[in-house]
Amino acid sequence: MGLYVNYGGRRVGFTIPDGWRVISGEDRPPVAGVQDPLAEVKRALDNPIGSPGIEELARPGMDVVLLFDDLQRPTPAHLVLPEILNRLNRAGIRDERVKAVCALGTHHAYNLEELRTKVGDESFARLEGRLFSHDPHAGDNVIIGRTHRGILVELNKHVALADLVIGVGECMPHPVAGYGGGYKLVMPGVSSYRAVADHHFAWIRHRESKVNVLDGNFFYEEILDAGRLSRMRFKMDLVINEKKEIIRAFAGETEAQHREAARFSESLYLTSLPKMPDVTITAAYPMEYGVQSTKALTMASFCTRAGGIIIWVAPQKQAGPIMPLIKEMASPASASEFHRMLSSGDIPEHLRPFGISYIMQVVFFKEYAEKFRVIHVTEGLSREQVEMMKYTYAPDIQTAIDLAARELPQADVAVLPSGGTVIPEVRV
């Protein structure tokens, strides 16, 4: 078997020791986008799942808010928003009664030019003066209730006071929420900082808060509760490939269409393993940049046995965004100690400008260092920087394999050539 990982747009081959047995080396083939993206968007809107269409939900005189995700995600809001606006117009709602909010959670706010880049020139002109970035720290965010487990639900005022809320986002495997998309545009998308902190720090380490799990995933179920309270009645989720092309569009009642989108994503990305490997070799591709590169490590953590070895291959050519995370990894606090600090509101000063989802990566990374031996193959970080994370540095994948073989001369091995999007599932 010719073994390889995808790295920086090319395949990098390697060999393994005689005592290693490969239990999975499958690479999921790339999936082509649709030929006519707008036609696919219209098809989904014309055939809503579990809901009437936008033209039936909307009524003249309603105040409508459109939610869309931020620039860190490839969702083509510029393509979808004009079509939704056209349908609202046909229902008797003029553009002047529509606002749009970038659901950026606790990330930094965008200026108008950044918003124009996301929504496109047509939507920007039609929504002039009514296009906003969510501010999680705003004093006029509105408390609308609590989830049934007691998490505060405090939302952007435009969303809380709207008559109709419609969302546009993408559905991809998510390491904690099961899948992105759905009501994540509400929690954390347009929730206050304290509400997001309350939710995230409560549930991030629950053992069922993980990829490809919705039912029984309390992190996801609390998002559902918050979303239902928000009254976001209609949502479009797009499944998008690594070329930022639409593979499939789903639209309708938020929870119903999201489950359909999640099932479709599972069919694209699920890789079954017969057992938990001793060694997992995972490449960050196609999510190689910045914090996105960490997803491959997280996915590998779900399938590797405790005490095993993860070889994490990521170029880190744009390592600047993860440097604050690396700095905090060097602190002596354990994963549990750091988690307790966050839960009590004691966030290190140098991390305060970052979103909560970024900060909580520190907890995960510390836990991986405690549970596995992580060997990081990278050209963008120095040996000293990798060792600050309490991981082992390797300049290339063959060197990493040699290091691992000294510790485990006999091992069951899983290779995830495109680990940034794969869903590894151990069959039981």
Protein backbone atom coordinates (compact mmCIF):
# COMPACT_ATOMS: atom_id res chain seq x y z
CA MET A 1 0.00 0.00 0.00
CA GLY A 2 1.41 3.39 -0.99
CA LEU A 3 0.88 5.59 2.05
CA TYR A 4 0.74 9.38 1.85
CA VAL A 5 -0.72 12.55 3.36
CA ASN A 6 -1.88 15.68 1.56
CA TYR A 7 0.35 18.62 2.36
CA GLY A 8 0.40 22.08 0.84
CA GLY A 9 -1.40 20.97 -2.30
CA ARG A 10 0.71 17.89 -2.94
CA ARG A 11 0.97 14.28 -1.81
CA VAL A 12 3.82 13.37 0.52
CA GLY A 13 4.59 9.66 0.67
CA PHE A 14 6.22 7.73 3.49
CA THR A 15 7.01 4.21 4.67
CA ILE A 16 6.24 2.54 7.97
CA PRO A 17 8.18 -0.04 10.04
CA ASP A 18 7.56 -3.76 9.56
CA GLY A 19 5.97 -3.97 13.01
CA TRP A 20 3.23 -1.46 12.14
CA ARG A 21 -0.10 -2.66 10.75
CA VAL A 22 -2.23 -0.20 8.78
CA ILE A 23 -5.88 -0.48 9.78
CA SER A 24 -7.01 2.48 7.67
CA GLY A 25 -5.34 4.60 5.00
CA GLU A 26 -8.43 5.79 3.16
CA ASP A 27 -8.47 9.22 1.58
CA ARG A 28 -11.86 10.67 0.82
CA PRO A 29 -11.91 11.80 -2.82
CA PRO A 30 -12.63 15.48 -3.49
CA VAL A 31 -16.25 16.28 -4.25
CA ALA A 32 -17.04 18.58 -7.14
CA GLY A 33 -19.25 21.61 -6.70
CA VAL A 34 -22.47 22.08 -8.62
CA GLN A 35 -22.22 23.64 -12.08
CA ASP A 36 -24.79 26.36 -11.36
CA PRO A 37 -24.55 27.54 -7.72
CA LEU A 38 -27.45 30.01 -7.96
CA ALA A 39 -29.71 27.33 -9.42
CA GLU A 40 -28.83 25.08 -6.47
CA VAL A 41 -29.65 27.87 -4.00
CA LYS A 42 -33.01 28.45 -5.72
CA ARG A 43 -33.75 24.71 -5.75
CA ALA A 44 -33.27 24.50 -1.98
CA LEU A 45 -35.39 27.61 -1.34
CA ASP A 46 -38.13 26.28 -3.61
CA ASN A 47 -38.20 22.96 -1.71
CA PRO A 48 -37.89 23.86 1.99
CA ILE A 49 -37.51 21.07 4.55
CA GLY A 50 -40.07 21.06 7.35
CA SER A 51 -41.25 24.61 6.69
CA PRO A 52 -43.29 26.80 4.36
CA GLY A 53 -41.22 28.86 1.95
CA ILE A 54 -39.96 32.35 2.73
CA GLU A 55 -42.81 33.89 0.70
CA GLU A 56 -45.34 32.17 3.00
CA LEU A 57 -43.55 32.94 6.28
CA ALA A 58 -43.15 36.63 5.53
CA ARG A 59 -45.99 39.14 5.88
CA PRO A 60 -46.15 42.80 4.86
CA GLY A 61 -45.12 45.06 7.72
CA MET A 62 -42.78 42.56 9.36
CA ASP A 63 -39.33 43.63 10.54
CA VAL A 64 -36.97 40.98 9.14
CA VAL A 65 -33.38 40.24 10.15
CA LEU A 66 -31.00 38.21 7.99
CA LEU A 67 -28.09 36.49 9.70
CA PHE A 68 -24.93 35.41 7.90
CA ASP A 69 -21.62 33.98 9.06
CA ASP A 70 -18.24 35.72 9.05
CA LEU A 71 -15.28 35.86 6.70
CA GLN A 72 -13.60 32.88 8.38
CA ARG A 73 -16.16 30.71 6.63
CA PRO A 74 -16.55 30.31 2.86
CA THR A 75 -20.34 30.71 2.76
CA PRO A 76 -21.18 32.73 -0.41
CA ALA A 77 -23.51 35.22 1.27
CA HIS A 78 -23.14 37.44 -1.80
CA LEU A 79 -24.95 34.77 -3.82
CA VAL A 80 -27.69 33.83 -1.34
CA LEU A 81 -28.75 37.13 0.26
CA PRO A 82 -30.03 38.80 -2.94
CA GLU A 83 -32.21 35.77 -3.66
CA ILE A 84 -33.70 35.88 -0.15
CA LEU A 85 -34.30 39.62 -0.48
CA ASN A 86 -36.10 39.03 -3.78
CA ARG A 87 -38.40 36.49 -2.14
CA LEU A 88 -39.13 38.83 0.75
CA ASN A 89 -40.01 41.52 -1.81
CA ARG A 90 -42.47 39.15 -3.48
CA ALA A 91 -44.08 38.62 -0.06
CA GLY A 92 -44.62 42.36 0.28
CA ILE A 93 -41.59 43.21 2.41
CA ARG A 94 -39.47 46.01 0.97
CA ASP A 95 -35.72 46.04 1.42
CA GLU A 96 -36.11 48.99 3.81
CA ARG A 97 -37.74 46.70 6.38
CA VAL A 98 -34.84 44.24 6.31
CA LYS A 99 -31.68 44.38 8.43
CA ALA A 100 -28.71 42.04 8.19
CA VAL A 101 -26.32 41.06 10.97
CA CYS A 102 -22.97 39.33 10.62
CA ALA A 103 -23.15 36.55 13.22
CA LEU A 104 -19.50 36.59 14.23
CA GLY A 105 -19.95 35.35 17.77
CA THR A 106 -17.14 36.68 19.95
CA HIS A 107 -14.75 37.38 17.05
CA HIS A 108 -13.69 40.94 16.22
CA ALA A 109 -16.21 43.27 14.56
CA TYR A 110 -15.97 44.01 10.84
CA ASN A 111 -15.84 47.40 9.20
CA LEU A 112 -18.12 48.26 6.30
CA GLU A 113 -15.61 47.24 3.64
CA GLU A 114 -15.20 43.81 5.24
CA LEU A 115 -18.98 43.45 5.35
CA ARG A 116 -19.15 44.44 1.67
CA THR A 117 -16.61 41.71 0.88
CA LYS A 118 -18.81 39.13 2.61
CA VAL A 119 -22.25 40.13 1.31
CA GLY A 120 -21.30 41.47 -2.13
CA ASP A 121 -22.02 44.77 -3.83
CA GLU A 122 -25.71 44.11 -4.56
CA SER A 123 -26.67 43.19 -0.99
CA PHE A 124 -24.47 45.95 0.40
CA ALA A 125 -26.35 48.55 -1.68
CA ARG A 126 -29.79 47.12 -0.93
CA LEU A 127 -29.06 46.99 2.81
CA GLU A 128 -27.29 50.35 3.07
CA GLY A 129 -27.46 51.69 6.62
CA ARG A 130 -28.97 48.43 7.90
CA LEU A 131 -25.94 46.14 7.77
CA PHE A 132 -24.31 45.39 11.13
CA SER A 133 -21.59 43.38 12.82
CA HIS A 134 -22.76 41.71 15.99
CA ASP A 135 -21.18 43.13 19.13
CA PRO A 136 -21.04 40.50 21.91
CA HIS A 137 -20.11 43.21 24.44
CA ALA A 138 -22.95 45.63 23.57
CA GLY A 139 -24.92 46.96 26.48
CA ASP A 140 -28.16 46.71 24.52
CA ASN A 141 -28.03 42.96 23.92
CA VAL A 142 -31.36 41.54 25.09
CA ILE A 143 -31.88 38.74 27.62
CA ILE A 144 -34.67 36.54 26.26
CA GLY A 145 -34.50 33.58 28.64
CA ARG A 146 -32.48 30.54 29.63
CA THR A 147 -32.08 27.08 28.20
CA HIS A 148 -33.67 24.21 30.08
CA ARG A 149 -30.24 23.50 31.63
CA GLY A 150 -29.96 27.11 32.78
CA ILE A 151 -27.61 28.68 30.23
CA LEU A 152 -28.30 32.40 29.72
CA VAL A 153 -29.70 33.37 26.29
CA GLU A 154 -28.83 37.01 25.57
CA LEU A 155 -29.00 38.12 21.93
CA ASN A 156 -28.23 40.99 19.58
CA LYS A 157 -31.07 43.50 19.90
CA HIS A 158 -31.94 43.40 16.19
CA VAL A 159 -32.42 39.64 16.38
CA ALA A 160 -34.26 39.65 19.71
CA LEU A 161 -36.79 42.25 18.52
CA ALA A 162 -37.33 41.03 14.93
CA ASP A 163 -40.59 39.56 13.65
CA LEU A 164 -38.82 37.10 11.37
CA VAL A 165 -35.22 35.85 11.46
CA ILE A 166 -33.65 34.04 8.51
CA GLY A 167 -30.09 32.63 8.52
CA VAL A 168 -27.46 31.70 5.95
CA GLY A 169 -24.46 29.53 6.83
CA GLU A 170 -22.58 26.32 6.10
CA CYS A 171 -22.68 22.79 7.48
CA MET A 172 -19.36 21.03 8.05
CA PRO A 173 -18.12 18.54 10.66
CA HIS A 174 -17.49 20.40 13.92
CA PRO A 175 -15.23 18.95 16.63
CA VAL A 176 -17.52 19.96 19.53
CA ALA A 177 -21.00 20.78 18.20
CA GLY A 178 -21.24 17.70 15.99
CA TYR A 179 -21.72 19.83 12.88
CA GLY A 180 -21.51 23.51 12.12
CA GLY A 181 -24.53 25.31 10.80
CA GLY A 182 -28.07 25.26 12.11
CA TYR A 183 -28.65 27.38 15.19
CA LYS A 184 -24.93 28.09 15.65
CA LEU A 185 -25.70 31.39 13.92
CA VAL A 186 -27.61 32.24 17.12
CA MET A 187 -25.36 30.60 19.73
CA PRO A 188 -22.62 31.75 19.57
CA GLY A 189 -23.27 33.81 16.40
CA VAL A 190 -25.37 36.66 17.83
CA SER A 191 -25.12 35.92 21.55
CA SER A 192 -23.51 38.10 24.20
CA TYR A 193 -19.99 37.39 25.42
CA ARG A 194 -21.20 36.24 28.84
CA ALA A 195 -23.80 33.94 27.29
CA VAL A 196 -21.24 32.33 24.97
CA ALA A 197 -18.80 31.92 27.86
CA ASP A 198 -21.54 30.38 30.01
CA HIS A 199 -22.37 27.88 27.27
CA HIS A 200 -18.94 27.03 25.93
CA PHE A 201 -17.07 26.65 29.20
CA ALA A 202 -19.89 24.50 30.64
CA TRP A 203 -19.95 21.88 27.90
CA ILE A 204 -16.71 21.83 25.92
CA ARG A 205 -15.24 18.84 27.77
CA HIS A 206 -18.31 16.66 28.03
CA ARG A 207 -17.37 13.35 26.41
CA GLU A 208 -20.33 13.48 24.00
CA SER A 209 -19.50 17.01 22.85
CA LYS A 210 -17.78 15.83 19.71
CA VAL A 211 -17.94 15.50 15.95
CA ASN A 212 -20.80 13.59 14.31
CA VAL A 213 -22.87 13.51 17.50
CA LEU A 214 -26.09 15.52 17.76
CA ASP A 215 -28.42 13.55 20.02
CA GLY A 216 -26.95 13.41 23.51
CA ASN A 217 -24.44 16.16 22.72
CA PHE A 218 -25.25 18.73 25.42
CA PHE A 219 -23.13 21.40 23.70
CA TYR A 220 -25.34 21.03 20.61
CA GLU A 221 -28.59 20.58 22.54
CA GLU A 222 -28.03 23.85 24.42
CA ILE A 223 -27.47 25.55 21.05
CA LEU A 224 -30.83 24.12 19.98
CA ASP A 225 -32.52 25.57 23.05
CA ALA A 226 -31.04 29.02 22.46
CA GLY A 227 -31.98 28.89 18.78
CA ARG A 228 -35.57 27.93 19.47
CA LEU A 229 -35.89 30.86 21.88
CA SER A 230 -34.52 33.18 19.18
CA ARG A 231 -37.35 32.30 16.79
CA MET A 232 -35.04 31.95 13.78
CA ARG A 233 -37.71 30.43 11.58
CA PHE A 234 -35.80 29.66 8.41
CA LYS A 235 -32.21 28.72 7.62
CA MET A 236 -30.10 27.84 4.62
CA ASP A 237 -27.02 25.67 5.19
CA LEU A 238 -24.57 25.00 2.39
CA VAL A 239 -22.16 22.08 2.16
CA ILE A 240 -19.01 23.49 0.56
CA ASN A 241 -15.84 21.80 -0.73
CA GLU A 242 -12.21 22.84 -0.25
CA LYS A 243 -12.39 24.97 -3.41
CA LYS A 244 -15.21 26.98 -1.78
CA GLU A 245 -17.74 25.55 -4.24
CA ILE A 246 -21.29 24.61 -3.25
CA ILE A 247 -21.81 20.85 -3.22
CA ARG A 248 -25.40 20.89 -1.95
CA ALA A 249 -27.79 23.46 -0.46
CA PHE A 250 -30.36 22.77 2.26
CA ALA A 251 -33.08 25.17 3.43
CA GLY A 252 -36.15 25.20 5.65
CA GLU A 253 -36.98 24.91 9.34
CA THR A 254 -33.64 25.39 11.06
CA GLU A 255 -33.31 22.10 12.94
CA ALA A 256 -34.88 19.91 10.25
CA GLN A 257 -32.77 21.18 7.37
CA HIS A 258 -29.63 21.11 9.51
CA ARG A 259 -30.09 17.42 10.29
CA GLU A 260 -30.46 16.70 6.57
CA ALA A 261 -27.32 18.72 5.84
CA ALA A 262 -25.44 16.90 8.62
CA ARG A 263 -26.44 13.50 7.25
CA PHE A 264 -25.23 14.54 3.82
CA SER A 265 -21.91 15.80 5.26
CA GLU A 266 -21.47 12.52 7.09
CA SER A 267 -21.80 10.65 3.80
CA LEU A 268 -18.93 12.71 2.39
CA TYR A 269 -16.48 12.66 5.29
CA LEU A 270 -17.03 9.59 7.49
CA THR A 271 -14.14 7.11 7.69
CA SER A 272 -14.73 3.92 9.67
CA LEU A 273 -11.94 2.31 11.70
CA PRO A 274 -12.12 -1.29 12.98
CA LYS A 275 -10.47 -0.36 16.30
CA MET A 276 -8.70 2.49 18.07
CA PRO A 277 -5.21 2.79 16.58
CA ASP A 278 -2.03 3.05 18.61
CA VAL A 279 -0.72 5.61 16.13
CA THR A 280 -2.73 8.07 14.06
CA ILE A 281 -1.03 9.98 11.26
CA THR A 282 -3.19 12.96 10.32
CA ALA A 283 -2.69 15.85 7.91
CA ALA A 284 -4.34 19.24 8.40
CA TYR A 285 -5.29 19.43 4.71
CA PRO A 286 -7.57 21.00 3.49
CA MET A 287 -7.78 23.17 6.64
CA GLU A 288 -4.11 24.11 6.81
CA TYR A 289 -4.17 27.77 7.79
CA GLY A 290 -4.15 29.33 11.23
CA VAL A 291 -6.39 27.84 13.89
CA GLN A 292 -8.18 25.77 11.22
CA SER A 293 -5.10 23.53 11.13
CA THR A 294 -5.91 22.32 14.65
CA LYS A 295 -9.08 20.54 13.53
CA ALA A 296 -7.10 17.57 12.22
CA LEU A 297 -5.48 17.09 15.63
CA THR A 298 -8.85 17.30 17.35
CA MET A 299 -10.42 14.76 14.97
CA ALA A 300 -7.50 12.37 15.54
CA SER A 301 -7.98 12.66 19.31
CA PHE A 302 -11.45 11.09 18.98
CA CYS A 303 -10.13 7.83 17.54
CA THR A 304 -6.63 7.32 19.02
CA ARG A 305 -6.24 5.17 22.12
CA ALA A 306 -5.23 6.88 25.35
CA GLY A 307 -1.44 6.88 25.65
CA GLY A 308 -1.05 6.49 21.91
CA ILE A 309 0.78 8.68 19.43
CA ILE A 310 -0.66 11.29 17.06
CA ILE A 311 1.55 12.50 14.23
CA TRP A 312 0.04 15.87 13.25
CA VAL A 313 1.22 17.16 9.88
CA ALA A 314 0.54 20.86 9.23
CA PRO A 315 2.63 23.43 7.32
CA GLN A 316 1.76 26.33 9.68
CA LYS A 317 2.99 28.79 7.05
CA GLN A 318 0.65 31.39 8.52
CA ALA A 319 1.36 30.60 12.16
CA GLY A 320 0.74 34.09 13.52
CA PRO A 321 -2.89 33.40 14.50
CA ILE A 322 -1.95 30.48 16.74
CA MET A 323 1.03 32.11 18.49
CA PRO A 324 -1.01 33.36 21.50
CA LEU A 325 -2.31 29.80 21.89
CA ILE A 326 1.25 28.45 21.84
CA LYS A 327 2.30 31.00 24.46
CA GLU A 328 -0.46 29.86 26.81
CA MET A 329 0.40 26.18 26.20
CA ALA A 330 3.76 26.89 27.84
CA SER A 331 2.05 27.80 31.13
CA PRO A 332 2.26 25.19 33.93
CA ALA A 333 -1.53 24.95 34.39
CA SER A 334 -3.10 21.59 33.49
CA ALA A 335 -6.07 21.37 31.13
CA SER A 336 -8.46 21.11 34.08
CA GLU A 337 -6.83 23.96 35.98
CA PHE A 338 -6.95 26.22 32.95
CA HIS A 339 -10.59 25.24 32.30
CA ARG A 340 -11.51 26.18 35.87
CA MET A 341 -9.74 29.54 35.41
CA LEU A 342 -11.81 30.27 32.31
CA SER A 343 -15.05 29.21 33.98
CA SER A 344 -14.38 31.61 36.86
CA GLY A 345 -13.79 34.46 34.41
CA ASP A 346 -10.01 34.51 34.89
CA ILE A 347 -8.96 34.85 31.24
CA PRO A 348 -5.26 35.68 30.62
CA GLU A 349 -4.86 39.26 29.46
CA HIS A 350 -3.13 38.38 26.20
CA LEU A 351 -6.06 36.13 25.23
CA ARG A 352 -8.86 38.60 26.00
CA PRO A 353 -8.95 40.10 22.47
CA PHE A 354 -9.70 36.67 21.01
CA GLY A 355 -12.99 34.86 20.65
CA ILE A 356 -14.06 32.29 23.20
CA SER A 357 -13.85 29.44 20.67
CA TYR A 358 -10.18 30.35 20.20
CA ILE A 359 -9.46 30.54 23.93
CA MET A 360 -11.02 27.15 24.59
CA GLN A 361 -8.54 25.60 22.15
CA VAL A 362 -5.97 25.95 24.92
CA VAL A 363 -7.96 23.52 27.07
CA PHE A 364 -8.09 20.98 24.26
CA PHE A 365 -4.41 21.34 23.37
CA LYS A 366 -3.33 20.90 26.97
CA GLU A 367 -5.54 17.82 27.24
CA TYR A 368 -3.96 16.29 24.12
CA ALA A 369 -0.50 16.79 25.62
CA GLU A 370 -1.66 14.99 28.76
CA LYS A 371 -3.44 12.12 26.98
CA PHE A 372 -1.22 11.41 23.95
CA ARG A 373 2.28 11.87 22.64
CA VAL A 374 1.81 14.40 19.87
CA ILE A 375 4.54 14.69 17.23
CA HIS A 376 4.09 17.84 15.16
CA VAL A 377 5.48 17.83 11.63
CA THR A 378 5.71 21.45 10.53
CA GLU A 379 7.90 23.87 8.66
CA GLY A 380 6.26 27.06 9.94
CA LEU A 381 7.03 26.56 13.64
CA SER A 382 10.42 26.13 15.24
CA ARG A 383 11.41 23.25 17.49
CA GLU A 384 11.26 25.61 20.47
CA GLN A 385 7.71 26.73 19.62
CA VAL A 386 6.47 23.17 19.24
CA GLU A 387 8.09 22.16 22.51
CA MET A 388 6.37 25.13 24.21
CA MET A 389 3.15 23.29 23.38
CA LYS A 390 4.62 20.22 25.13
CA TYR A 391 4.60 18.37 21.81
CA THR A 392 7.52 16.76 19.98
CA TYR A 393 8.92 18.49 16.90
CA ALA A 394 9.75 16.70 13.64
CA PRO A 395 10.95 18.41 10.45
CA ASP A 396 9.35 15.81 8.17
CA ILE A 397 6.94 12.92 8.35
CA GLN A 398 9.54 10.16 7.99
CA THR A 399 11.47 11.52 10.95
CA ALA A 400 8.22 11.59 12.95
CA ILE A 401 7.53 7.96 12.10
CA ASP A 402 11.04 6.95 13.16
CA LEU A 403 10.55 8.74 16.50
CA ALA A 404 7.22 7.03 17.06
CA ALA A 405 8.59 3.59 16.11
CA ARG A 406 11.25 3.79 18.81
CA GLU A 407 8.47 4.04 21.38
CA LEU A 408 5.99 1.68 19.68
CA PRO A 409 7.80 -0.87 17.47
CA GLN A 410 4.54 -2.82 17.18
CA ALA A 411 1.42 -0.76 16.47
CA ASP A 412 -1.94 -0.54 14.75
CA VAL A 413 -1.85 2.58 12.58
CA ALA A 414 -4.52 4.81 11.02
CA VAL A 415 -3.58 7.28 8.29
CA LEU A 416 -5.88 10.24 7.66
CA PRO A 417 -4.48 11.88 4.49
CA SER A 418 -7.01 14.74 4.62
CA GLY A 419 -7.58 14.97 8.36
CA GLY A 420 -8.98 18.50 8.36
CA THR A 421 -12.43 17.40 7.30
CA VAL A 422 -12.51 13.64 7.90
CA ILE A 423 -14.81 12.16 10.55
CA PRO A 424 -12.98 9.15 12.04
CA GLU A 425 -15.39 6.71 13.66
CA VAL A 426 -14.36 3.55 15.48
CA ARG A 427 -16.75 0.67 14.80
CA VAL A 428 -17.86 -1.13 17.95
